[in-house]
PDB file of N, CA and C in Angstrom:
ATOM      1  N   MET A   1     -41.948 225.657 161.094  1.00  0.00           N
ATOM      2  CA  MET A   1     -43.084 225.684 161.993  1.00  0.00           C
ATOM      3  C   MET A   1     -44.370 225.737 161.174  1.00  0.00           C
ATOM      4  N   THR A   2     -45.289 224.825 161.435  1.00  0.00           N
ATOM      5  CA  THR A   2     -46.545 224.785 160.697  1.00  0.00           C
ATOM      6  C   THR A   2     -47.599 225.614 161.421  1.00  0.00           C
ATOM      7  N   PRO A   3     -48.414 226.319 160.647  1.00  0.00           N
ATOM      8  CA  PRO A   3     -49.457 227.130 161.281  1.00  0.00           C
ATOM      9  C   PRO A   3     -50.504 226.237 161.939  1.00  0.00           C
ATOM     10  N   ARG A   4     -50.996 226.674 163.081  1.00  0.00           N
ATOM     11  CA  ARG A   4     -52.030 225.918 163.781  1.00  0.00           C
ATOM     12  C   ARG A   4     -53.402 226.301 163.257  1.00  0.00           C
ATOM     13  N   LYS A   5     -54.264 225.311 163.189  1.00  0.00           N
ATOM     14  CA  LYS A   5     -55.638 225.560 162.770  1.00  0.00           C
ATOM     15  C   LYS A   5     -56.429 226.110 163.949  1.00  0.00           C
ATOM     16  N   ALA A   6     -57.324 227.008 163.652  1.00  0.00           N
ATOM     17  CA  ALA A   6     -58.206 227.533 164.694  1.00  0.00           C
ATOM     18  C   ALA A   6     -59.162 226.428 165.122  1.00  0.00           C
ATOM     19  N   PRO A   7     -59.487 226.355 166.394  1.00  0.00           N
ATOM     20  CA  PRO A   7     -60.421 225.319 166.841  1.00  0.00           C
ATOM     21  C   PRO A   7     -61.808 225.552 166.256  1.00  0.00           C
ATOM     22  N   ALA A   8     -62.495 224.463 165.979  1.00  0.00           N
ATOM     23  CA  ALA A   8     -63.851 224.557 165.438  1.00  0.00           C
ATOM     24  C   ALA A   8     -64.772 225.146 166.505  1.00  0.00           C
ATOM     25  N   LEU A   9     -65.691 225.987 166.075  1.00  0.00           N
ATOM     26  CA  LEU A   9     -66.662 226.546 167.007  1.00  0.00           C
ATOM     27  C   LEU A   9     -67.618 225.457 167.443  1.00  0.00           C
ATOM     28  N   ARG A  10     -67.924 225.446 168.691  1.00  0.00           N
ATOM     29  CA  ARG A  10     -68.886 224.486 169.236  1.00  0.00           C
ATOM     30  C   ARG A  10     -70.038 225.280 169.836  1.00  0.00           C
ATOM     31  N   ARG A  11     -71.185 225.124 169.247  1.00  0.00           N
ATOM     32  CA  ARG A  11     -72.370 225.788 169.762  1.00  0.00           C
ATOM     33  C   ARG A  11     -73.212 224.773 170.515  1.00  0.00           C
ATOM     34  N   PRO A  12     -73.942 225.228 171.511  1.00  0.00           N
ATOM     35  CA  PRO A  12     -74.866 224.304 172.171  1.00  0.00           C
ATOM     36  C   PRO A  12     -75.910 223.815 171.171  1.00  0.00           C
ATOM     37  N   ARG A  13     -76.248 222.554 171.263  1.00  0.00           N
ATOM     38  CA  ARG A  13     -77.277 221.983 170.384  1.00  0.00           C
ATOM     39  C   ARG A  13     -78.650 222.336 170.932  1.00  0.00           C
ATOM     40  N   ASN A  14     -79.517 222.798 170.051  1.00  0.00           N
ATOM     41  CA  ASN A  14     -80.878 223.139 170.434  1.00  0.00           C
ATOM     42  C   ASN A  14     -81.794 221.955 170.167  1.00  0.00           C
ATOM     43  N   ALA A  15     -82.606 221.628 171.148  1.00  0.00           N
ATOM     44  CA  ALA A  15     -83.559 220.525 170.997  1.00  0.00           C
ATOM     45  C   ALA A  15     -84.708 220.964 170.095  1.00  0.00           C
ATOM     46  N   MET A  16     -85.302 219.977 169.412  1.00  0.00           N
ATOM     47  CA  MET A  16     -86.438 220.241 168.531  1.00  0.00           C
ATOM     48  C   MET A  16     -87.705 220.399 169.384  1.00  0.00           C
ATOM     49  N   PRO A  17     -88.289 221.599 169.435  1.00  0.00           N
ATOM     50  CA  PRO A  17     -89.543 221.784 170.177  1.00  0.00           C
ATOM     51  C   PRO A  17     -90.698 221.053 169.481  1.00  0.00           C
ATOM     52  N   VAL A  18     -91.651 220.634 170.264  1.00  0.00           N
ATOM     53  CA  VAL A  18     -92.792 219.882 169.741  1.00  0.00           C
ATOM     54  C   VAL A  18     -93.539 220.693 168.680  1.00  0.00           C
ATOM     55  N   ASP A  19     -93.747 221.977 168.913  1.00  0.00           N
ATOM     56  CA  ASP A  19     -94.504 222.785 167.954  1.00  0.00           C
ATOM     57  C   ASP A  19     -93.778 222.907 166.617  1.00  0.00           C
ATOM     58  N   VAL A  20     -92.464 222.961 166.640  1.00  0.00           N
ATOM     59  CA  VAL A  20     -91.699 223.045 165.392  1.00  0.00           C
ATOM     60  C   VAL A  20     -91.784 221.714 164.645  1.00  0.00           C
ATOM     61  N   ARG A  21     -91.645 220.616 165.380  1.00  0.00           N
ATOM     62  CA  ARG A  21     -91.756 219.290 164.755  1.00  0.00           C
ATOM     63  C   ARG A  21     -93.133 219.114 164.097  1.00  0.00           C
ATOM     64  N   ARG A  22     -94.169 219.519 164.810  1.00  0.00           N
ATOM     65  CA  ARG A  22     -95.527 219.412 164.253  1.00  0.00           C
ATOM     66  C   ARG A  22     -95.694 220.279 163.019  1.00  0.00           C
ATOM     67  N   ALA A  23     -95.132 221.470 163.046  1.00  0.00           N
ATOM     68  CA  ALA A  23     -95.241 222.373 161.892  1.00  0.00           C
ATOM     69  C   ALA A  23     -94.520 221.791 160.680  1.00  0.00           C
ATOM     70  N   LEU A  24     -93.336 221.209 160.900  1.00  0.00           N
ATOM     71  CA  LEU A  24     -92.592 220.582 159.791  1.00  0.00           C
ATOM     72  C   LEU A  24     -93.373 219.413 159.208  1.00  0.00           C
ATOM     73  N   LEU A  25     -93.942 218.590 160.080  1.00  0.00           N
ATOM     74  CA  LEU A  25     -94.728 217.440 159.614  1.00  0.00           C
ATOM     75  C   LEU A  25     -95.964 217.900 158.849  1.00  0.00           C
ATOM     76  N   ALA A  26     -96.681 218.870 159.393  1.00  0.00           N
ATOM     77  CA  ALA A  26     -97.906 219.365 158.763  1.00  0.00           C
ATOM     78  C   ALA A  26     -97.631 219.977 157.393  1.00  0.00           C
ATOM     79  N   ALA A  27     -96.484 220.641 157.269  1.00  0.00           N
ATOM     80  CA  ALA A  27     -96.126 221.285 155.999  1.00  0.00           C
ATOM     81  C   ALA A  27     -95.437 220.320 155.036  1.00  0.00           C
ATOM     82  N   GLY A  28     -95.121 219.120 155.496  1.00  0.00           N
ATOM     83  CA  GLY A  28     -94.419 218.157 154.638  1.00  0.00           C
ATOM     84  C   GLY A  28     -92.998 218.573 154.325  1.00  0.00           C
ATOM     85  N   LEU A  29     -92.333 219.226 155.278  1.00  0.00           N
ATOM     86  CA  LEU A  29     -90.997 219.767 155.034  1.00  0.00           C
ATOM     87  C   LEU A  29     -89.900 219.108 155.871  1.00  0.00           C
ATOM     88  N   VAL A  30     -90.179 217.951 156.435  1.00  0.00           N
ATOM     89  CA  VAL A  30     -89.185 217.273 157.261  1.00  0.00           C
ATOM     90  C   VAL A  30     -87.944 216.935 156.437  1.00  0.00           C
ATOM     91  N   THR A  31     -88.127 216.426 155.236  1.00  0.00           N
ATOM     92  CA  THR A  31     -86.988 216.063 154.380  1.00  0.00           C
ATOM     93  C   THR A  31     -86.159 217.287 154.037  1.00  0.00           C
ATOM     94  N   GLU A  32     -86.809 218.388 153.689  1.00  0.00           N
ATOM     95  CA  GLU A  32     -86.082 219.609 153.363  1.00  0.00           C
ATOM     96  C   GLU A  32     -85.312 220.115 154.581  1.00  0.00           C
ATOM     97  N   TYR A  33     -85.915 219.994 155.759  1.00  0.00           N
ATOM     98  CA  TYR A  33     -85.236 220.404 156.988  1.00  0.00           C
ATOM     99  C   TYR A  33     -83.988 219.551 157.209  1.00  0.00           C
ATOM    100  N   ARG A  34     -84.114 218.263 157.048  1.00  0.00           N
ATOM    101  CA  ARG A  34     -82.982 217.349 157.280  1.00  0.00           C
ATOM    102  C   ARG A  34     -81.867 217.511 156.250  1.00  0.00           C
ATOM    103  N   ARG A  35     -82.196 218.029 155.084  1.00  0.00           N
ATOM    104  CA  ARG A  35     -81.176 218.249 154.049  1.00  0.00           C
ATOM    105  C   ARG A  35     -80.295 219.455 154.344  1.00  0.00           C
ATOM    106  N   ARG A  36     -80.758 220.328 155.209  1.00  0.00           N
ATOM    107  CA  ARG A  36     -79.967 221.515 155.548  1.00  0.00           C
ATOM    108  C   ARG A  36     -78.766 221.111 156.397  1.00  0.00           C
ATOM    109  N   PRO A  37     -77.680 221.879 156.321  1.00  0.00           N
ATOM    110  CA  PRO A  37     -76.521 221.588 157.165  1.00  0.00           C
ATOM    111  C   PRO A  37     -76.893 221.685 158.645  1.00  0.00           C
ATOM    112  N   PRO A  38     -76.202 220.923 159.482  1.00  0.00           N
ATOM    113  CA  PRO A  38     -76.523 220.945 160.920  1.00  0.00           C
ATOM    114  C   PRO A  38     -76.522 222.338 161.541  1.00  0.00           C
ATOM    115  N   TYR A  39     -75.614 223.216 161.116  1.00  0.00           N
ATOM    116  CA  TYR A  39     -75.586 224.554 161.727  1.00  0.00           C
ATOM    117  C   TYR A  39     -76.854 225.322 161.410  1.00  0.00           C
ATOM    118  N   GLN A  40     -77.418 225.144 160.212  1.00  0.00           N
ATOM    119  CA  GLN A  40     -78.652 225.845 159.868  1.00  0.00           C
ATOM    120  C   GLN A  40     -79.826 225.314 160.682  1.00  0.00           C
ATOM    121  N   ARG A  41     -79.927 224.002 160.800  1.00  0.00           N
ATOM    122  CA  ARG A  41     -81.008 223.422 161.598  1.00  0.00           C
ATOM    123  C   ARG A  41     -80.915 223.922 163.043  1.00  0.00           C
ATOM    124  N   ASN A  42     -79.710 223.920 163.593  1.00  0.00           N
ATOM    125  CA  ASN A  42     -79.510 224.368 164.966  1.00  0.00           C
ATOM    126  C   ASN A  42     -79.815 225.861 165.109  1.00  0.00           C
ATOM    127  N   ASP A  43     -79.397 226.653 164.153  1.00  0.00           N
ATOM    128  CA  ASP A  43     -79.671 228.093 164.200  1.00  0.00           C
ATOM    129  C   ASP A  43     -81.173 228.376 164.166  1.00  0.00           C
ATOM    130  N   TYR A  44     -81.893 227.689 163.285  1.00  0.00           N
ATOM    131  CA  TYR A  44     -83.343 227.875 163.230  1.00  0.00           C
ATOM    132  C   TYR A  44     -83.980 227.569 164.585  1.00  0.00           C
ATOM    133  N   LEU A  45     -83.620 226.436 165.186  1.00  0.00           N
ATOM    134  CA  LEU A  45     -84.225 226.043 166.451  1.00  0.00           C
ATOM    135  C   LEU A  45     -83.890 227.030 167.568  1.00  0.00           C
ATOM    136  N   GLY A  46     -82.662 227.486 167.628  1.00  0.00           N
ATOM    137  CA  GLY A  46     -82.280 228.454 168.645  1.00  0.00           C
ATOM    138  C   GLY A  46     -82.980 229.783 168.457  1.00  0.00           C
ATOM    139  N   TRP A  47     -83.076 230.216 167.220  1.00  0.00           N
ATOM    140  CA  TRP A  47     -83.714 231.496 166.889  1.00  0.00           C
ATOM    141  C   TRP A  47     -85.195 231.458 167.261  1.00  0.00           C
ATOM    142  N   ILE A  48     -85.859 230.385 166.909  1.00  0.00           N
ATOM    143  CA  ILE A  48     -87.277 230.245 167.249  1.00  0.00           C
ATOM    144  C   ILE A  48     -87.438 230.143 168.765  1.00  0.00           C
ATOM    145  N   GLY A  49     -86.576 229.378 169.402  1.00  0.00           N
ATOM    146  CA  GLY A  49     -86.672 229.169 170.842  1.00  0.00           C
ATOM    147  C   GLY A  49     -86.408 230.407 171.671  1.00  0.00           C
ATOM    148  N   ARG A  50     -85.649 231.357 171.149  1.00  0.00           N
ATOM    149  CA  ARG A  50     -85.348 232.582 171.893  1.00  0.00           C
ATOM    150  C   ARG A  50     -86.455 233.631 171.820  1.00  0.00           C
ATOM    151  N   ALA A  51     -87.480 233.387 171.022  1.00  0.00           N
ATOM    152  CA  ALA A  51     -88.587 234.348 170.926  1.00  0.00           C
ATOM    153  C   ALA A  51     -89.296 234.442 172.271  1.00  0.00           C
ATOM    154  N   LYS A  52     -89.547 235.648 172.712  1.00  0.00           N
ATOM    155  CA  LYS A  52     -90.191 235.847 174.014  1.00  0.00           C
ATOM    156  C   LYS A  52     -91.718 235.827 173.907  1.00  0.00           C
ATOM    157  N   ARG A  53     -92.234 236.322 172.806  1.00  0.00           N
ATOM    158  CA  ARG A  53     -93.687 236.387 172.636  1.00  0.00           C
ATOM    159  C   ARG A  53     -94.149 235.272 171.702  1.00  0.00           C
ATOM    160  N   PRO A  54     -95.313 234.692 171.971  1.00  0.00           N
ATOM    161  CA  PRO A  54     -95.843 233.650 171.088  1.00  0.00           C
ATOM    162  C   PRO A  54     -95.990 234.116 169.633  1.00  0.00           C
ATOM    163  N   ALA A  55     -96.368 235.368 169.436  1.00  0.00           N
ATOM    164  CA  ALA A  55     -96.530 235.880 168.072  1.00  0.00           C
ATOM    165  C   ALA A  55     -95.195 235.907 167.334  1.00  0.00           C
ATOM    166  N   THR A  56     -94.136 236.265 168.043  1.00  0.00           N
ATOM    167  CA  THR A  56     -92.804 236.280 167.429  1.00  0.00           C
ATOM    168  C   THR A  56     -92.364 234.865 167.099  1.00  0.00           C
ATOM    169  N   ARG A  57     -92.616 233.940 168.001  1.00  0.00           N
ATOM    170  CA  ARG A  57     -92.266 232.542 167.773  1.00  0.00           C
ATOM    171  C   ARG A  57     -92.979 232.020 166.523  1.00  0.00           C
ATOM    172  N   GLN A  58     -94.273 232.318 166.409  1.00  0.00           N
ATOM    173  CA  GLN A  58     -95.048 231.886 165.242  1.00  0.00           C
ATOM    174  C   GLN A  58     -94.487 232.500 163.959  1.00  0.00           C
ATOM    175  N   LYS A  59     -94.156 233.777 164.008  1.00  0.00           N
ATOM    176  CA  LYS A  59     -93.613 234.462 162.836  1.00  0.00           C
ATOM    177  C   LYS A  59     -92.291 233.834 162.407  1.00  0.00           C
ATOM    178  N   ARG A  60     -91.423 233.522 163.351  1.00  0.00           N
ATOM    179  CA  ARG A  60     -90.135 232.905 163.033  1.00  0.00           C
ATOM    180  C   ARG A  60     -90.312 231.483 162.504  1.00  0.00           C
ATOM    181  N   ARG A  61     -91.222 230.751 163.115  1.00  0.00           N
ATOM    182  CA  ARG A  61     -91.490 229.388 162.636  1.00  0.00           C
ATOM    183  C   ARG A  61     -92.007 229.429 161.194  1.00  0.00           C
ATOM    184  N   GLN A  62     -92.892 230.368 160.924  1.00  0.00           N
ATOM    185  CA  GLN A  62     -93.434 230.505 159.571  1.00  0.00           C
ATOM    186  C   GLN A  62     -92.340 230.894 158.577  1.00  0.00           C
ATOM    187  N   GLN A  63     -91.439 231.776 158.964  1.00  0.00           N
ATOM    188  CA  GLN A  63     -90.328 232.147 158.080  1.00  0.00           C
ATOM    189  C   GLN A  63     -89.468 230.931 157.762  1.00  0.00           C
ATOM    190  N   MET A  64     -89.176 230.109 158.775  1.00  0.00           N
ATOM    191  CA  MET A  64     -88.382 228.903 158.542  1.00  0.00           C
ATOM    192  C   MET A  64     -89.089 227.992 157.534  1.00  0.00           C
ATOM    193  N   LEU A  65     -90.391 227.786 157.714  1.00  0.00           N
ATOM    194  CA  LEU A  65     -91.135 226.916 156.801  1.00  0.00           C
ATOM    195  C   LEU A  65     -91.118 227.457 155.373  1.00  0.00           C
ATOM    196  N   GLU A  66     -91.287 228.751 155.225  1.00  0.00           N
ATOM    197  CA  GLU A  66     -91.262 229.357 153.894  1.00  0.00           C
ATOM    198  C   GLU A  66     -89.887 229.214 153.251  1.00  0.00           C
ATOM    199  N   GLU A  67     -88.838 229.432 154.021  1.00  0.00           N
ATOM    200  CA  GLU A  67     -87.487 229.302 153.474  1.00  0.00           C
ATOM    201  C   GLU A  67     -87.178 227.861 153.093  1.00  0.00           C
ATOM    202  N   LEU A  68     -87.634 226.915 153.891  1.00  0.00           N
ATOM    203  CA  LEU A  68     -87.421 225.509 153.553  1.00  0.00           C
ATOM    204  C   LEU A  68     -88.195 225.135 152.293  1.00  0.00           C
ATOM    205  N   SER A  69     -89.399 225.654 152.146  1.00  0.00           N
ATOM    206  CA  SER A  69     -90.194 225.310 150.962  1.00  0.00           C
ATOM    207  C   SER A  69     -89.608 225.918 149.691  1.00  0.00           C
ATOM    208  N   ARG A  70     -89.030 227.125 149.796  1.00  0.00           N
ATOM    209  CA  ARG A  70     -88.384 227.744 148.627  1.00  0.00           C
ATOM    210  C   ARG A  70     -87.060 227.065 148.320  1.00  0.00           C
ATOM    211  N   GLY A  71     -86.344 226.694 149.355  1.00  0.00           N
ATOM    212  CA  GLY A  71     -85.102 225.955 149.191  1.00  0.00           C
ATOM    213  C   GLY A  71     -83.851 226.765 148.925  1.00  0.00           C
ATOM    214  N   HIS A  72     -83.971 228.043 148.652  1.00  0.00           N
ATOM    215  CA  HIS A  72     -82.789 228.824 148.292  1.00  0.00           C
ATOM    216  C   HIS A  72     -82.607 230.058 149.163  1.00  0.00           C
ATOM    217  N   SER A  73     -83.076 229.945 150.412  1.00  0.00           N
ATOM    218  CA  SER A  73     -82.831 231.037 151.341  1.00  0.00           C
ATOM    219  C   SER A  73     -82.681 230.470 152.743  1.00  0.00           C
ATOM    220  N   TYR A  74     -81.951 231.219 153.562  1.00  0.00           N
ATOM    221  CA  TYR A  74     -81.692 230.843 154.950  1.00  0.00           C
ATOM    222  C   TYR A  74     -81.562 232.132 155.738  1.00  0.00           C
ATOM    223  N   MET A  75     -82.444 232.336 156.684  1.00  0.00           N
ATOM    224  CA  MET A  75     -82.448 233.537 157.525  1.00  0.00           C
ATOM    225  C   MET A  75     -82.434 234.808 156.664  1.00  0.00           C
ATOM    226  N   LYS A  76     -83.258 234.794 155.641  1.00  0.00           N
ATOM    227  CA  LYS A  76     -83.416 235.904 154.692  1.00  0.00           C
ATOM    228  C   LYS A  76     -82.155 236.187 153.875  1.00  0.00           C
ATOM    229  N   MET A  77     -81.267 235.196 153.795  1.00  0.00           N
ATOM    230  CA  MET A  77     -80.074 235.324 152.962  1.00  0.00           C
ATOM    231  C   MET A  77     -80.140 234.270 151.858  1.00  0.00           C
ATOM    232  N   SER A  78     -79.450 234.535 150.780  1.00  0.00           N
ATOM    233  CA  SER A  78     -79.376 233.570 149.699  1.00  0.00           C
ATOM    234  C   SER A  78     -78.621 232.326 150.171  1.00  0.00           C
ATOM    235  N   TYR A  79     -79.121 231.159 149.777  1.00  0.00           N
ATOM    236  CA  TYR A  79     -78.484 229.894 150.151  1.00  0.00           C
ATOM    237  C   TYR A  79     -78.517 228.967 148.956  1.00  0.00           C
ATOM    238  N   ARG A  80     -77.343 228.458 148.613  1.00  0.00           N
ATOM    239  CA  ARG A  80     -77.249 227.486 147.523  1.00  0.00           C
ATOM    240  C   ARG A  80     -76.857 226.145 148.101  1.00  0.00           C
ATOM    241  N   PRO A  81     -77.774 225.167 148.051  1.00  0.00           N
ATOM    242  CA  PRO A  81     -77.416 223.850 148.591  1.00  0.00           C
ATOM    243  C   PRO A  81     -76.265 223.232 147.822  1.00  0.00           C
ATOM    244  N   ALA A  82     -75.435 222.483 148.537  1.00  0.00           N
ATOM    245  CA  ALA A  82     -74.334 221.774 147.886  1.00  0.00           C
ATOM    246  C   ALA A  82     -74.897 220.713 146.960  1.00  0.00           C
ATOM    247  N   ALA A  83     -74.188 220.453 145.896  1.00  0.00           N
ATOM    248  CA  ALA A  83     -74.622 219.421 144.948  1.00  0.00           C
ATOM    249  C   ALA A  83     -74.606 218.065 145.639  1.00  0.00           C
ATOM    250  N   ARG A  84     -75.607 217.271 145.388  1.00  0.00           N
ATOM    251  CA  ARG A  84     -75.685 215.929 145.969  1.00  0.00           C
ATOM    252  C   ARG A  84     -74.830 214.975 145.155  1.00  0.00           C
ATOM    253  N   ARG A  85     -74.134 214.129 145.874  1.00  0.00           N
ATOM    254  CA  ARG A  85     -73.328 213.112 145.208  1.00  0.00           C
ATOM    255  C   ARG A  85     -74.088 211.804 145.207  1.00  0.00           C
ATOM    256  N   GLY A  86     -73.901 211.095 144.143  1.00  0.00           N
ATOM    257  CA  GLY A  86     -74.283 209.785 144.115  1.00  0.00           C
ATOM    258  C   GLY A  86     -75.469 209.153 143.818  1.00  0.00           C
TER     259      GLY A  86
END
């Protein structure tokens, strides 16, 4: 008997809000955003979107931009991008 694999988690996809898209464009970080794994991009959008107060939303958006510009952090955790092939 072969062991069964656990089903992959499926999270709802979060749409890109206009303010986040504008912030990425203004900061020149669209490429860095697209290089992140899909789960990270989705997590950022959901996290920002769940903010109830505008000040919290701005703070979270700014944290995302700073982490993308540094390149080695994600949600205040260490992140090492996978080596690019080719």
